[in-house]
PDB file of N, CA and C in Angstrom:
ATOM      1  N   UNK A   1     -19.009   9.192  11.788  1.00  0.00           N
ATOM      2  CA  UNK A   1     -17.560   9.146  12.022  1.00  0.00           C
ATOM      3  C   UNK A   1     -16.872   8.723  10.708  1.00  0.00           C
ATOM      4  N   UNK A   2     -17.481   7.790   9.942  1.00  0.00           N
ATOM      5  CA  UNK A   2     -16.874   7.374   8.691  1.00  0.00           C
ATOM      6  C   UNK A   2     -16.768   8.532   7.744  1.00  0.00           C
ATOM      7  N   UNK A   3     -17.732   9.456   7.784  1.00  0.00           N
ATOM      8  CA  UNK A   3     -17.691  10.566   6.803  1.00  0.00           C
ATOM      9  C   UNK A   3     -16.481  11.450   7.098  1.00  0.00           C
ATOM     10  N   UNK A   4     -16.193  11.601   8.386  1.00  0.00           N
ATOM     11  CA  UNK A   4     -15.013  12.475   8.691  1.00  0.00           C
ATOM     12  C   UNK A   4     -13.713  11.775   8.275  1.00  0.00           C
ATOM     13  N   UNK A   5     -13.612  10.493   8.481  1.00  0.00           N
ATOM     14  CA  UNK A   5     -12.418   9.776   8.042  1.00  0.00           C
ATOM     15  C   UNK A   5     -12.300   9.855   6.528  1.00  0.00           C
ATOM     16  N   UNK A   6     -13.421   9.688   5.808  1.00  0.00           N
ATOM     17  CA  UNK A   6     -13.354   9.793   4.284  1.00  0.00           C
ATOM     18  C   UNK A   6     -12.898  11.198   3.916  1.00  0.00           C
ATOM     19  N   UNK A   7     -13.397  12.225   4.504  1.00  0.00           N
ATOM     20  CA  UNK A   7     -13.000  13.574   4.127  1.00  0.00           C
ATOM     21  C   UNK A   7     -11.548  13.761   4.497  1.00  0.00           C
ATOM     22  N   UNK A   8     -11.073  13.315   5.637  1.00  0.00           N
ATOM     23  CA  UNK A   8      -9.722  13.476   5.962  1.00  0.00           C
ATOM     24  C   UNK A   8      -8.751  12.783   4.995  1.00  0.00           C
ATOM     25  N   UNK A   9      -9.178  11.549   4.601  1.00  0.00           N
ATOM     26  CA  UNK A   9      -8.425  10.789   3.622  1.00  0.00           C
ATOM     27  C   UNK A   9      -8.334  11.476   2.311  1.00  0.00           C
ATOM     28  N   UNK A  10      -9.502  12.016   1.801  1.00  0.00           N
ATOM     29  CA  UNK A  10      -9.490  12.644   0.485  1.00  0.00           C
ATOM     30  C   UNK A  10      -8.595  13.887   0.583  1.00  0.00           C
ATOM     31  N   UNK A  11      -8.634  14.680   1.628  1.00  0.00           N
ATOM     32  CA  UNK A  11      -7.890  15.831   1.798  1.00  0.00           C
ATOM     33  C   UNK A  11      -6.346  15.513   1.816  1.00  0.00           C
ATOM     34  N   UNK A  12      -6.008  14.454   2.549  1.00  0.00           N
ATOM     35  CA  UNK A  12      -4.608  14.013   2.620  1.00  0.00           C
ATOM     36  C   UNK A  12      -4.189  13.597   1.178  1.00  0.00           C
ATOM     37  N   UNK A  13      -4.964  12.809   0.514  1.00  0.00           N
ATOM     38  CA  UNK A  13      -4.671  12.337  -0.883  1.00  0.00           C
ATOM     39  C   UNK A  13      -4.444  13.451  -1.780  1.00  0.00           C
ATOM     40  N   UNK A  14      -5.352  14.495  -1.735  1.00  0.00           N
ATOM     41  CA  UNK A  14      -5.258  15.675  -2.662  1.00  0.00           C
ATOM     42  C   UNK A  14      -3.970  16.511  -2.303  1.00  0.00           C
ATOM     43  N   UNK A  15      -3.587  16.513  -0.969  1.00  0.00           N
ATOM     44  CA  UNK A  15      -2.334  17.210  -0.591  1.00  0.00           C
ATOM     45  C   UNK A  15      -1.156  16.529  -1.119  1.00  0.00           C
ATOM     46  N   UNK A  16      -1.147  15.156  -0.975  1.00  0.00           N
ATOM     47  CA  UNK A  16       0.041  14.381  -1.467  1.00  0.00           C
ATOM     48  C   UNK A  16       0.153  14.597  -2.988  1.00  0.00           C
ATOM     49  N   UNK A  17      -0.963  14.492  -3.754  1.00  0.00           N
ATOM     50  CA  UNK A  17      -0.952  14.782  -5.242  1.00  0.00           C
ATOM     51  C   UNK A  17      -0.400  16.132  -5.535  1.00  0.00           C
ATOM     52  N   UNK A  18      -0.802  17.179  -4.894  1.00  0.00           N
ATOM     53  CA  UNK A  18      -0.414  18.539  -5.114  1.00  0.00           C
ATOM     54  C   UNK A  18       1.065  18.638  -4.833  1.00  0.00           C
ATOM     55  N   UNK A  19       1.538  18.141  -3.679  1.00  0.00           N
ATOM     56  CA  UNK A  19       2.997  18.206  -3.312  1.00  0.00           C
ATOM     57  C   UNK A  19       3.880  17.470  -4.219  1.00  0.00           C
ATOM     58  N   UNK A  20       3.439  16.320  -4.628  1.00  0.00           N
ATOM     59  CA  UNK A  20       4.317  15.476  -5.589  1.00  0.00           C
ATOM     60  C   UNK A  20       4.496  16.273  -6.826  1.00  0.00           C
ATOM     61  N   UNK A  21       3.392  16.870  -7.438  1.00  0.00           N
ATOM     62  CA  UNK A  21       3.539  17.721  -8.636  1.00  0.00           C
ATOM     63  C   UNK A  21       4.413  18.799  -8.396  1.00  0.00           C
ATOM     64  N   UNK A  22       4.322  19.457  -7.259  1.00  0.00           N
ATOM     65  CA  UNK A  22       5.178  20.650  -6.952  1.00  0.00           C
ATOM     66  C   UNK A  22       6.659  20.167  -6.879  1.00  0.00           C
ATOM     67  N   UNK A  23       6.893  19.084  -6.164  1.00  0.00           N
ATOM     68  CA  UNK A  23       8.300  18.526  -6.126  1.00  0.00           C
ATOM     69  C   UNK A  23       8.826  18.236  -7.494  1.00  0.00           C
ATOM     70  N   UNK A  24       8.063  17.622  -8.339  1.00  0.00           N
ATOM     71  CA  UNK A  24       8.460  17.340  -9.709  1.00  0.00           C
ATOM     72  C   UNK A  24       8.891  18.619 -10.483  1.00  0.00           C
ATOM     73  N   UNK A  25       8.098  19.703 -10.284  1.00  0.00           N
ATOM     74  CA  UNK A  25       8.335  20.947 -11.010  1.00  0.00           C
ATOM     75  C   UNK A  25       9.560  21.772 -10.477  1.00  0.00           C
ATOM     76  N   UNK A  26       9.712  21.747  -9.117  1.00  0.00           N
ATOM     77  CA  UNK A  26      10.737  22.637  -8.534  1.00  0.00           C
ATOM     78  C   UNK A  26      11.922  22.083  -7.957  1.00  0.00           C
ATOM     79  N   UNK A  27      11.887  20.849  -7.474  1.00  0.00           N
ATOM     80  CA  UNK A  27      13.006  20.294  -6.673  1.00  0.00           C
ATOM     81  C   UNK A  27      13.850  19.267  -7.478  1.00  0.00           C
ATOM     82  N   UNK A  28      13.422  18.839  -8.587  1.00  0.00           N
ATOM     83  CA  UNK A  28      14.112  17.736  -9.215  1.00  0.00           C
ATOM     84  C   UNK A  28      14.777  18.209 -10.493  1.00  0.00           C
ATOM     85  N   UNK A  29      15.889  17.639 -10.844  1.00  0.00           N
ATOM     86  CA  UNK A  29      16.638  18.145 -12.032  1.00  0.00           C
ATOM     87  C   UNK A  29      16.414  17.203 -13.233  1.00  0.00           C
ATOM     88  N   UNK A  30      15.742  16.078 -13.107  1.00  0.00           N
ATOM     89  CA  UNK A  30      15.540  15.173 -14.227  1.00  0.00           C
ATOM     90  C   UNK A  30      14.469  15.815 -15.210  1.00  0.00           C
ATOM     91  N   UNK A  31      14.915  16.161 -16.435  1.00  0.00           N
ATOM     92  CA  UNK A  31      13.899  16.788 -17.397  1.00  0.00           C
ATOM     93  C   UNK A  31      12.717  15.878 -17.706  1.00  0.00           C
ATOM     94  N   UNK A  32      12.870  14.562 -17.642  1.00  0.00           N
ATOM     95  CA  UNK A  32      11.700  13.681 -17.977  1.00  0.00           C
ATOM     96  C   UNK A  32      10.627  13.852 -16.944  1.00  0.00           C
ATOM     97  N   UNK A  33      10.912  14.178 -15.706  1.00  0.00           N
ATOM     98  CA  UNK A  33       9.891  14.390 -14.731  1.00  0.00           C
ATOM     99  C   UNK A  33       9.173  15.727 -14.823  1.00  0.00           C
ATOM    100  N   UNK A  34       9.828  16.666 -15.486  1.00  0.00           N
ATOM    101  CA  UNK A  34       9.108  17.952 -15.666  1.00  0.00           C
ATOM    102  C   UNK A  34       7.995  17.930 -16.663  1.00  0.00           C
ATOM    103  N   UNK A  35       8.041  16.845 -17.538  1.00  0.00           N
ATOM    104  CA  UNK A  35       6.976  16.690 -18.584  1.00  0.00           C
ATOM    105  C   UNK A  35       5.844  15.755 -18.070  1.00  0.00           C
ATOM    106  N   UNK A  36       5.870  15.348 -16.838  1.00  0.00           N
ATOM    107  CA  UNK A  36       4.960  14.432 -16.318  1.00  0.00           C
ATOM    108  C   UNK A  36       4.176  15.012 -15.162  1.00  0.00           C
ATOM    109  N   UNK A  37       2.926  14.603 -15.031  1.00  0.00           N
ATOM    110  CA  UNK A  37       2.030  15.050 -13.949  1.00  0.00           C
ATOM    111  C   UNK A  37       1.574  13.822 -13.181  1.00  0.00           C
ATOM    112  N   UNK A  38       1.516  13.938 -11.794  1.00  0.00           N
ATOM    113  CA  UNK A  38       0.873  12.919 -10.992  1.00  0.00           C
ATOM    114  C   UNK A  38      -0.684  13.153 -11.189  1.00  0.00           C
ATOM    115  N   UNK A  39      -1.366  12.147 -11.606  1.00  0.00           N
ATOM    116  CA  UNK A  39      -2.790  12.324 -11.873  1.00  0.00           C
ATOM    117  C   UNK A  39      -3.688  11.830 -10.768  1.00  0.00           C
ATOM    118  N   UNK A  40      -3.216  10.843 -10.029  1.00  0.00           N
ATOM    119  CA  UNK A  40      -4.012  10.331  -8.853  1.00  0.00           C
ATOM    120  C   UNK A  40      -3.116   9.615  -7.906  1.00  0.00           C
ATOM    121  N   UNK A  41      -3.590   9.597  -6.654  1.00  0.00           N
ATOM    122  CA  UNK A  41      -2.922   8.928  -5.591  1.00  0.00           C
ATOM    123  C   UNK A  41      -3.926   7.982  -4.959  1.00  0.00           C
ATOM    124  N   UNK A  42      -3.479   6.701  -4.719  1.00  0.00           N
ATOM    125  CA  UNK A  42      -4.303   5.775  -3.992  1.00  0.00           C
ATOM    126  C   UNK A  42      -3.528   5.325  -2.717  1.00  0.00           C
ATOM    127  N   UNK A  43      -4.121   5.537  -1.574  1.00  0.00           N
ATOM    128  CA  UNK A  43      -3.527   5.209  -0.310  1.00  0.00           C
ATOM    129  C   UNK A  43      -4.019   3.931   0.222  1.00  0.00           C
ATOM    130  N   UNK A  44      -3.091   3.274   0.900  1.00  0.00           N
ATOM    131  CA  UNK A  44      -3.556   2.019   1.688  1.00  0.00           C
ATOM    132  C   UNK A  44      -4.426   2.514   2.805  1.00  0.00           C
ATOM    133  N   UNK A  45      -5.196   1.534   3.363  1.00  0.00           N
ATOM    134  CA  UNK A  45      -6.108   1.914   4.458  1.00  0.00           C
ATOM    135  C   UNK A  45      -5.374   2.439   5.689  1.00  0.00           C
ATOM    136  N   UNK A  46      -4.143   2.025   5.919  1.00  0.00           N
ATOM    137  CA  UNK A  46      -3.385   2.513   7.120  1.00  0.00           C
ATOM    138  C   UNK A  46      -2.433   3.657   6.735  1.00  0.00           C
ATOM    139  N   UNK A  47      -2.532   4.196   5.558  1.00  0.00           N
ATOM    140  CA  UNK A  47      -1.743   5.331   5.051  1.00  0.00           C
ATOM    141  C   UNK A  47      -0.254   4.972   4.949  1.00  0.00           C
ATOM    142  N   UNK A  48       0.070   3.722   4.969  1.00  0.00           N
ATOM    143  CA  UNK A  48       1.479   3.380   4.933  1.00  0.00           C
ATOM    144  C   UNK A  48       2.076   3.298   3.544  1.00  0.00           C
ATOM    145  N   UNK A  49       1.229   3.096   2.527  1.00  0.00           N
ATOM    146  CA  UNK A  49       1.670   3.004   1.151  1.00  0.00           C
ATOM    147  C   UNK A  49       0.776   3.918   0.271  1.00  0.00           C
ATOM    148  N   UNK A  50       1.548   4.564  -0.684  1.00  0.00           N
ATOM    149  CA  UNK A  50       0.823   5.462  -1.672  1.00  0.00           C
ATOM    150  C   UNK A  50       1.189   4.954  -3.072  1.00  0.00           C
ATOM    151  N   UNK A  51       0.204   4.699  -3.865  1.00  0.00           N
ATOM    152  CA  UNK A  51       0.485   4.451  -5.240  1.00  0.00           C
ATOM    153  C   UNK A  51       0.172   5.688  -6.088  1.00  0.00           C
ATOM    154  N   UNK A  52       1.187   6.246  -6.770  1.00  0.00           N
ATOM    155  CA  UNK A  52       1.079   7.517  -7.461  1.00  0.00           C
ATOM    156  C   UNK A  52       1.075   7.230  -8.897  1.00  0.00           C
ATOM    157  N   UNK A  53       0.062   7.660  -9.631  1.00  0.00           N
ATOM    158  CA  UNK A  53      -0.098   7.409 -11.030  1.00  0.00           C
ATOM    159  C   UNK A  53       0.381   8.657 -11.859  1.00  0.00           C
ATOM    160  N   UNK A  54       1.234   8.425 -12.885  1.00  0.00           N
ATOM    161  CA  UNK A  54       1.814   9.449 -13.624  1.00  0.00           C
ATOM    162  C   UNK A  54       1.300   9.419 -15.012  1.00  0.00           C
ATOM    163  N   UNK A  55       1.089  10.608 -15.589  1.00  0.00           N
ATOM    164  CA  UNK A  55       0.749  10.628 -17.018  1.00  0.00           C
ATOM    165  C   UNK A  55       1.419  11.823 -17.711  1.00  0.00           C
ATOM    166  N   UNK A  56       1.512  11.795 -19.030  1.00  0.00           N
ATOM    167  CA  UNK A  56       2.154  12.731 -19.826  1.00  0.00           C
ATOM    168  C   UNK A  56       1.553  12.872 -21.171  1.00  0.00           C
ATOM    169  N   UNK A  57       1.593  14.076 -21.804  1.00  0.00           N
ATOM    170  CA  UNK A  57       1.061  14.171 -23.169  1.00  0.00           C
ATOM    171  C   UNK A  57       2.032  13.365 -24.178  1.00  0.00           C
ATOM    172  N   UNK A  58       3.262  13.225 -23.800  1.00  0.00           N
ATOM    173  CA  UNK A  58       4.227  12.511 -24.623  1.00  0.00           C
ATOM    174  C   UNK A  58       4.204  11.063 -24.277  1.00  0.00           C
ATOM    175  N   UNK A  59       3.530  10.254 -25.027  1.00  0.00           N
ATOM    176  CA  UNK A  59       3.317   8.756 -24.675  1.00  0.00           C
ATOM    177  C   UNK A  59       4.672   8.068 -24.639  1.00  0.00           C
ATOM    178  N   UNK A  60       5.701   8.596 -25.396  1.00  0.00           N
ATOM    179  CA  UNK A  60       6.978   7.923 -25.420  1.00  0.00           C
ATOM    180  C   UNK A  60       7.802   7.946 -24.128  1.00  0.00           C
ATOM    181  N   UNK A  61       7.561   8.990 -23.354  1.00  0.00           N
ATOM    182  CA  UNK A  61       8.386   9.126 -22.176  1.00  0.00           C
ATOM    183  C   UNK A  61       7.672   8.623 -20.860  1.00  0.00           C
ATOM    184  N   UNK A  62       6.445   8.135 -20.976  1.00  0.00           N
ATOM    185  CA  UNK A  62       5.744   7.660 -19.725  1.00  0.00           C
ATOM    186  C   UNK A  62       6.508   6.651 -18.989  1.00  0.00           C
ATOM    187  N   UNK A  63       6.944   5.628 -19.641  1.00  0.00           N
ATOM    188  CA  UNK A  63       7.636   4.499 -18.992  1.00  0.00           C
ATOM    189  C   UNK A  63       8.994   4.965 -18.445  1.00  0.00           C
ATOM    190  N   UNK A  64       9.699   5.799 -19.191  1.00  0.00           N
ATOM    191  CA  UNK A  64      11.004   6.292 -18.832  1.00  0.00           C
ATOM    192  C   UNK A  64      10.786   7.196 -17.565  1.00  0.00           C
ATOM    193  N   UNK A  65       9.756   8.006 -17.559  1.00  0.00           N
ATOM    194  CA  UNK A  65       9.409   8.902 -16.424  1.00  0.00           C
ATOM    195  C   UNK A  65       9.091   8.038 -15.209  1.00  0.00           C
ATOM    196  N   UNK A  66       8.421   6.949 -15.389  1.00  0.00           N
ATOM    197  CA  UNK A  66       8.038   6.094 -14.260  1.00  0.00           C
ATOM    198  C   UNK A  66       9.399   5.550 -13.613  1.00  0.00           C
ATOM    199  N   UNK A  67      10.230   5.103 -14.458  1.00  0.00           N
ATOM    200  CA  UNK A  67      11.521   4.515 -13.952  1.00  0.00           C
ATOM    201  C   UNK A  67      12.366   5.659 -13.210  1.00  0.00           C
ATOM    202  N   UNK A  68      12.368   6.774 -13.837  1.00  0.00           N
ATOM    203  CA  UNK A  68      13.095   7.932 -13.224  1.00  0.00           C
ATOM    204  C   UNK A  68      12.504   8.340 -11.889  1.00  0.00           C
ATOM    205  N   UNK A  69      11.143   8.327 -11.826  1.00  0.00           N
ATOM    206  CA  UNK A  69      10.482   8.602 -10.509  1.00  0.00           C
ATOM    207  C   UNK A  69      10.724   7.475  -9.544  1.00  0.00           C
ATOM    208  N   UNK A  70      10.816   6.261  -9.938  1.00  0.00           N
ATOM    209  CA  UNK A  70      11.088   5.157  -9.020  1.00  0.00           C
ATOM    210  C   UNK A  70      12.469   5.372  -8.371  1.00  0.00           C
ATOM    211  N   UNK A  71      13.428   5.891  -9.165  1.00  0.00           N
ATOM    212  CA  UNK A  71      14.749   5.986  -8.654  1.00  0.00           C
ATOM    213  C   UNK A  71      14.895   7.168  -7.632  1.00  0.00           C
ATOM    214  N   UNK A  72      14.051   8.100  -7.711  1.00  0.00           N
ATOM    215  CA  UNK A  72      14.106   9.252  -6.771  1.00  0.00           C
ATOM    216  C   UNK A  72      12.930   9.239  -5.808  1.00  0.00           C
ATOM    217  N   UNK A  73      12.256   8.097  -5.648  1.00  0.00           N
ATOM    218  CA  UNK A  73      11.154   8.000  -4.708  1.00  0.00           C
ATOM    219  C   UNK A  73      11.551   8.450  -3.283  1.00  0.00           C
ATOM    220  N   UNK A  74      12.741   8.147  -2.887  1.00  0.00           N
ATOM    221  CA  UNK A  74      13.253   8.539  -1.574  1.00  0.00           C
ATOM    222  C   UNK A  74      13.278  10.108  -1.443  1.00  0.00           C
ATOM    223  N   UNK A  75      13.689  10.767  -2.466  1.00  0.00           N
ATOM    224  CA  UNK A  75      13.725  12.236  -2.446  1.00  0.00           C
ATOM    225  C   UNK A  75      12.344  12.853  -2.356  1.00  0.00           C
ATOM    226  N   UNK A  76      11.477  12.191  -3.144  1.00  0.00           N
ATOM    227  CA  UNK A  76      10.100  12.706  -3.104  1.00  0.00           C
ATOM    228  C   UNK A  76       9.444  12.427  -1.740  1.00  0.00           C
ATOM    229  N   UNK A  77       9.784  11.360  -1.152  1.00  0.00           N
ATOM    230  CA  UNK A  77       9.214  10.999   0.226  1.00  0.00           C
ATOM    231  C   UNK A  77       9.841  11.996   1.220  1.00  0.00           C
ATOM    232  N   UNK A  78      11.093  12.392   1.118  1.00  0.00           N
ATOM    233  CA  UNK A  78      11.681  13.325   2.027  1.00  0.00           C
ATOM    234  C   UNK A  78      10.949  14.743   1.778  1.00  0.00           C
ATOM    235  N   UNK A  79      10.750  15.148   0.572  1.00  0.00           N
ATOM    236  CA  UNK A  79      10.027  16.357   0.324  1.00  0.00           C
ATOM    237  C   UNK A  79       8.686  16.366   0.885  1.00  0.00           C
ATOM    238  N   UNK A  80       7.976  15.265   0.769  1.00  0.00           N
ATOM    239  CA  UNK A  80       6.673  15.211   1.338  1.00  0.00           C
ATOM    240  C   UNK A  80       6.685  15.280   2.838  1.00  0.00           C
ATOM    241  N   UNK A  81       7.746  14.682   3.514  1.00  0.00           N
ATOM    242  CA  UNK A  81       7.865  14.781   4.977  1.00  0.00           C
ATOM    243  C   UNK A  81       8.013  16.178   5.428  1.00  0.00           C
ATOM    244  N   UNK A  82       8.712  17.015   4.650  1.00  0.00           N
ATOM    245  CA  UNK A  82       8.950  18.418   5.003  1.00  0.00           C
ATOM    246  C   UNK A  82       7.699  19.220   5.038  1.00  0.00           C
ATOM    247  N   UNK A  83       6.769  18.884   4.047  1.00  0.00           N
ATOM    248  CA  UNK A  83       5.621  19.820   3.952  1.00  0.00           C
ATOM    249  C   UNK A  83       4.304  19.273   4.501  1.00  0.00           C
ATOM    250  N   UNK A  84       4.154  17.897   4.677  1.00  0.00           N
ATOM    251  CA  UNK A  84       2.946  17.296   5.161  1.00  0.00           C
ATOM    252  C   UNK A  84       2.745  17.416   6.639  1.00  0.00           C
ATOM    253  N   UNK A  85       3.861  17.432   7.452  1.00  0.00           N
ATOM    254  CA  UNK A  85       3.742  17.524   8.837  1.00  0.00           C
ATOM    255  C   UNK A  85       3.084  16.317   9.474  1.00  0.00           C
ATOM    256  N   UNK A  86       3.337  15.125   8.962  1.00  0.00           N
ATOM    257  CA  UNK A  86       2.793  13.859   9.566  1.00  0.00           C
ATOM    258  C   UNK A  86       3.981  13.074  10.106  1.00  0.00           C
ATOM    259  N   UNK A  87       3.661  12.235  11.032  1.00  0.00           N
ATOM    260  CA  UNK A  87       4.698  11.424  11.729  1.00  0.00           C
ATOM    261  C   UNK A  87       5.286  10.427  10.724  1.00  0.00           C
ATOM    262  N   UNK A  88       4.465   9.715   9.920  1.00  0.00           N
ATOM    263  CA  UNK A  88       4.890   8.712   9.018  1.00  0.00           C
ATOM    264  C   UNK A  88       4.478   9.083   7.629  1.00  0.00           C
ATOM    265  N   UNK A  89       5.408   9.209   6.679  1.00  0.00           N
ATOM    266  CA  UNK A  89       5.135   9.465   5.260  1.00  0.00           C
ATOM    267  C   UNK A  89       4.929   8.128   4.603  1.00  0.00           C
ATOM    268  N   UNK A  90       3.942   7.934   3.761  1.00  0.00           N
ATOM    269  CA  UNK A  90       3.699   6.671   3.062  1.00  0.00           C
ATOM    270  C   UNK A  90       4.858   6.293   2.198  1.00  0.00           C
ATOM    271  N   UNK A  91       5.099   5.029   2.081  1.00  0.00           N
ATOM    272  CA  UNK A  91       6.062   4.446   1.094  1.00  0.00           C
ATOM    273  C   UNK A  91       5.441   4.715  -0.289  1.00  0.00           C
ATOM    274  N   UNK A  92       6.268   5.099  -1.201  1.00  0.00           N
ATOM    275  CA  UNK A  92       5.781   5.510  -2.544  1.00  0.00           C
ATOM    276  C   UNK A  92       6.125   4.546  -3.591  1.00  0.00           C
ATOM    277  N   UNK A  93       5.176   4.236  -4.451  1.00  0.00           N
ATOM    278  CA  UNK A  93       5.396   3.533  -5.714  1.00  0.00           C
ATOM    279  C   UNK A  93       4.750   4.200  -6.833  1.00  0.00           C
ATOM    280  N   UNK A  94       5.425   4.278  -7.968  1.00  0.00           N
ATOM    281  CA  UNK A  94       4.973   5.014  -9.129  1.00  0.00           C
ATOM    282  C   UNK A  94       4.466   4.028 -10.160  1.00  0.00           C
ATOM    283  N   UNK A  95       3.389   4.448 -10.814  1.00  0.00           N
ATOM    284  CA  UNK A  95       2.776   3.587 -11.897  1.00  0.00           C
ATOM    285  C   UNK A  95       2.433   4.562 -13.125  1.00  0.00           C
ATOM    286  N   UNK A  96       2.383   4.014 -14.253  1.00  0.00           N
ATOM    287  CA  UNK A  96       1.880   4.781 -15.411  1.00  0.00           C
ATOM    288  C   UNK A  96       0.344   4.712 -15.401  1.00  0.00           C
ATOM    289  N   UNK A  97      -0.216   5.907 -15.516  1.00  0.00           N
ATOM    290  CA  UNK A  97      -1.681   5.997 -15.536  1.00  0.00           C
ATOM    291  C   UNK A  97      -2.235   5.687 -16.879  1.00  0.00           C
ATOM    292  N   UNK A  98      -2.966   4.630 -17.106  1.00  0.00           N
ATOM    293  CA  UNK A  98      -3.520   4.221 -18.366  1.00  0.00           C
ATOM    294  C   UNK A  98      -4.965   4.456 -18.431  1.00  0.00           C
ATOM    295  N   UNK A  99      -5.531   5.170 -17.513  1.00  0.00           N
ATOM    296  CA  UNK A  99      -6.991   5.439 -17.450  1.00  0.00           C
ATOM    297  C   UNK A  99      -7.463   6.184 -18.729  1.00  0.00           C
ATOM    298  N   UNK A 100      -6.732   7.214 -19.138  1.00  0.00           N
ATOM    299  CA  UNK A 100      -7.155   7.972 -20.393  1.00  0.00           C
ATOM    300  C   UNK A 100      -7.205   7.059 -21.540  1.00  0.00           C
ATOM    301  N   UNK A 101      -6.220   6.200 -21.760  1.00  0.00           N
ATOM    302  CA  UNK A 101      -6.220   5.294 -22.950  1.00  0.00           C
ATOM    303  C   UNK A 101      -7.330   4.275 -22.812  1.00  0.00           C
ATOM    304  N   UNK A 102      -7.649   3.812 -21.665  1.00  0.00           N
ATOM    305  CA  UNK A 102      -8.771   2.908 -21.469  1.00  0.00           C
ATOM    306  C   UNK A 102     -10.103   3.587 -21.870  1.00  0.00           C
ATOM    307  N   UNK A 103     -10.273   4.794 -21.329  1.00  0.00           N
ATOM    308  CA  UNK A 103     -11.496   5.558 -21.708  1.00  0.00           C
ATOM    309  C   UNK A 103     -11.636   5.789 -23.142  1.00  0.00           C
ATOM    310  N   UNK A 104     -10.457   6.126 -23.779  1.00  0.00           N
ATOM    311  CA  UNK A 104     -10.484   6.400 -25.282  1.00  0.00           C
ATOM    312  C   UNK A 104     -10.869   5.040 -26.033  1.00  0.00           C
ATOM    313  N   UNK A 105     -10.327   3.952 -25.592  1.00  0.00           N
ATOM    314  CA  UNK A 105     -10.679   2.595 -26.214  1.00  0.00           C
ATOM    315  C   UNK A 105     -12.178   2.328 -26.054  1.00  0.00           C
ATOM    316  N   UNK A 106     -12.737   2.570 -24.894  1.00  0.00           N
ATOM    317  CA  UNK A 106     -14.193   2.317 -24.642  1.00  0.00           C
ATOM    318  C   UNK A 106     -14.988   3.256 -25.521  1.00  0.00           C
ATOM    319  N   UNK A 107     -14.579   4.505 -25.632  1.00  0.00           N
ATOM    320  CA  UNK A 107     -15.365   5.447 -26.586  1.00  0.00           C
ATOM    321  C   UNK A 107     -15.273   4.918 -27.998  1.00  0.00           C
ATOM    322  N   UNK A 108     -14.199   4.387 -28.431  1.00  0.00           N
ATOM    323  CA  UNK A 108     -14.026   3.881 -29.815  1.00  0.00           C
ATOM    324  C   UNK A 108     -14.943   2.634 -30.015  1.00  0.00           C
ATOM    325  N   UNK A 109     -14.978   1.815 -28.941  1.00  0.00           N
ATOM    326  CA  UNK A 109     -15.830   0.647 -29.049  1.00  0.00           C
ATOM    327  C   UNK A 109     -17.269   1.062 -29.132  1.00  0.00           C
ATOM    328  N   UNK A 110     -17.686   2.043 -28.321  1.00  0.00           N
ATOM    329  CA  UNK A 110     -19.080   2.443 -28.323  1.00  0.00           C
ATOM    330  C   UNK A 110     -19.458   3.142 -29.613  1.00  0.00           C
ATOM    331  N   UNK A 111     -18.545   3.859 -30.207  1.00  0.00           N
ATOM    332  CA  UNK A 111     -18.782   4.586 -31.426  1.00  0.00           C
ATOM    333  C   UNK A 111     -18.945   3.678 -32.658  1.00  0.00           C
ATOM    334  N   UNK A 112     -18.294   2.539 -32.626  1.00  0.00           N
ATOM    335  CA  UNK A 112     -18.302   1.571 -33.761  1.00  0.00           C
ATOM    336  C   UNK A 112     -19.492   0.651 -33.711  1.00  0.00           C
TER     337      UNK A 112
END
């Protein structure tokens, strides 16, 4: 039974990630969000909260994009409600994804 729950959770997480990226590209007018991608989603165990991590090739706009995304979190949540077909859409919080920078730092440490 745990395997089914894990699969369902992964599928839901992937769908949220895909739809958030779609909303950023098509439904929002803020140009800062068009240069950003949602890279991963972490859901709480009861699906009530979603942490969405954002990344961009332009390091200068990452923090600005996070702030812009936080301002329109309600619109993103409404967009998710339309396409996900679930009774309760998770509360959304946005974070800057620093995973790539951390991996790069580790590689540099290992190379030296």
